Amino acid sequence: MAKRQTLKDARFRVIGYIDTDADGQQVLSDAQFRRLGSYDPKSNTTKDAQFRRIGQGNLLTTLLTG
């Protein structure tokens, strides 16, 4: 079962969600549940929605805009 973290802005509006699987894989979605990217802790890399490598480490929140 995945664990969901809700991300909110300074005015407490929901701007996204991070779902974490049991193996540590994380998926970032926007407020409308559109996939924005993913993080793989085994390879320590973050990828965008088109599975292009963004960089080393967990950079998921950098994919949020607005």
C-alpha atoms as a PDB file:
ATOM      1  CA  MET A   1       0.000   0.000   0.000  1.00  0.00           C
ATOM      2  CA  ALA A   2       1.355   3.415  -0.968  1.00  0.00           C
ATOM      3  CA  LYS A   3       1.680   6.281   1.454  1.00  0.00           C
ATOM      4  CA  ARG A   4       0.421   9.664   0.196  1.00  0.00           C
ATOM      5  CA  GLN A   5       1.848  13.020   1.217  1.00  0.00           C
ATOM      6  CA  THR A   6      -0.231  16.083   0.358  1.00  0.00           C
ATOM      7  CA  LEU A   7       1.719  19.186  -0.705  1.00  0.00           C
ATOM      8  CA  LYS A   8       0.194  22.605  -0.010  1.00  0.00           C
ATOM      9  CA  ASP A   9       1.192  26.173  -0.823  1.00  0.00           C
ATOM     10  CA  ALA A  10       1.464  29.076   1.635  1.00  0.00           C
ATOM     11  CA  ARG A  11      -2.319  29.563   1.498  1.00  0.00           C
ATOM     12  CA  PHE A  12      -2.921  25.886   2.298  1.00  0.00           C
ATOM     13  CA  ARG A  13      -4.188  25.056  -1.206  1.00  0.00           C
ATOM     14  CA  VAL A  14      -3.316  21.577  -2.445  1.00  0.00           C
ATOM     15  CA  ILE A  15      -0.654  21.802  -5.159  1.00  0.00           C
ATOM     16  CA  GLY A  16       0.303  18.147  -5.431  1.00  0.00           C
ATOM     17  CA  TYR A  17       0.814  14.702  -3.985  1.00  0.00           C
ATOM     18  CA  ILE A  18       3.780  12.397  -3.460  1.00  0.00           C
ATOM     19  CA  ASP A  19       2.932   8.699  -3.332  1.00  0.00           C
ATOM     20  CA  THR A  20       5.598   6.450  -1.804  1.00  0.00           C
ATOM     21  CA  ASP A  21       5.583   2.690  -2.435  1.00  0.00           C
ATOM     22  CA  ALA A  22       6.870   0.109   0.059  1.00  0.00           C
ATOM     23  CA  ASP A  23      10.173  -0.122  -1.870  1.00  0.00           C
ATOM     24  CA  GLY A  24      10.726   3.642  -1.572  1.00  0.00           C
ATOM     25  CA  GLN A  25       9.763   4.581  -5.132  1.00  0.00           C
ATOM     26  CA  GLN A  26       8.032   7.978  -5.204  1.00  0.00           C
ATOM     27  CA  VAL A  27       5.663   9.478  -7.776  1.00  0.00           C
ATOM     28  CA  LEU A  28       4.751  13.165  -7.868  1.00  0.00           C
ATOM     29  CA  SER A  29       1.318  14.235  -9.124  1.00  0.00           C
ATOM     30  CA  ASP A  30      -0.181  17.704  -9.404  1.00  0.00           C
ATOM     31  CA  ALA A  31      -3.465  18.718  -7.728  1.00  0.00           C
ATOM     32  CA  GLN A  32      -5.404  17.158 -10.637  1.00  0.00           C
ATOM     33  CA  PHE A  33      -3.484  13.851 -10.207  1.00  0.00           C
ATOM     34  CA  ARG A  34      -1.456  14.284 -13.436  1.00  0.00           C
ATOM     35  CA  ARG A  35       1.902  12.549 -13.147  1.00  0.00           C
ATOM     36  CA  LEU A  36       4.792  15.041 -13.019  1.00  0.00           C
ATOM     37  CA  GLY A  37       7.721  12.787 -12.221  1.00  0.00           C
ATOM     38  CA  SER A  38       9.219   9.987 -10.175  1.00  0.00           C
ATOM     39  CA  TYR A  39      12.144   9.266  -7.876  1.00  0.00           C
ATOM     40  CA  ASP A  40      13.976   5.927  -7.632  1.00  0.00           C
ATOM     41  CA  PRO A  41      15.962   5.612  -4.386  1.00  0.00           C
ATOM     42  CA  LYS A  42      17.973   2.631  -5.683  1.00  0.00           C
ATOM     43  CA  SER A  43      19.490   4.647  -8.524  1.00  0.00           C
ATOM     44  CA  ASN A  44      19.089   7.956  -6.610  1.00  0.00           C
ATOM     45  CA  THR A  45      17.653   9.650  -9.714  1.00  0.00           C
ATOM     46  CA  THR A  46      14.614  11.796 -10.445  1.00  0.00           C
ATOM     47  CA  LYS A  47      12.796  11.573 -13.788  1.00  0.00           C
ATOM     48  CA  ASP A  48      10.088  13.790 -15.281  1.00  0.00           C
ATOM     49  CA  ALA A  49       6.707  12.680 -16.656  1.00  0.00           C
ATOM     50  CA  GLN A  50       8.344  11.658 -19.964  1.00  0.00           C
ATOM     51  CA  PHE A  51      10.887   9.523 -18.028  1.00  0.00           C
ATOM     52  CA  ARG A  52      13.786  11.876 -18.862  1.00  0.00           C
ATOM     53  CA  ARG A  53      16.445  12.042 -16.184  1.00  0.00           C
ATOM     54  CA  ILE A  54      16.303  15.318 -14.235  1.00  0.00           C
ATOM     55  CA  GLY A  55      19.225  14.740 -11.870  1.00  0.00           C
ATOM     56  CA  GLN A  56      20.733  12.947  -8.890  1.00  0.00           C
ATOM     57  CA  GLY A  57      18.805  12.874  -5.623  1.00  0.00           C
ATOM     58  CA  ASN A  58      15.168  13.493  -4.868  1.00  0.00           C
ATOM     59  CA  LEU A  59      14.247  16.575  -6.917  1.00  0.00           C
ATOM     60  CA  LEU A  60      10.506  15.901  -7.165  1.00  0.00           C
ATOM     61  CA  THR A  61       9.321  19.180  -5.669  1.00  0.00           C
ATOM     62  CA  THR A  62      11.326  21.124  -8.267  1.00  0.00           C
ATOM     63  CA  LEU A  63       8.894  19.739 -10.861  1.00  0.00           C
ATOM     64  CA  LEU A  64       5.959  21.621  -9.284  1.00  0.00           C
ATOM     65  CA  THR A  65       5.111  24.885 -11.030  1.00  0.00           C
ATOM     66  CA  GLY A  66       2.771  27.713 -10.259  1.00  0.00           C
END
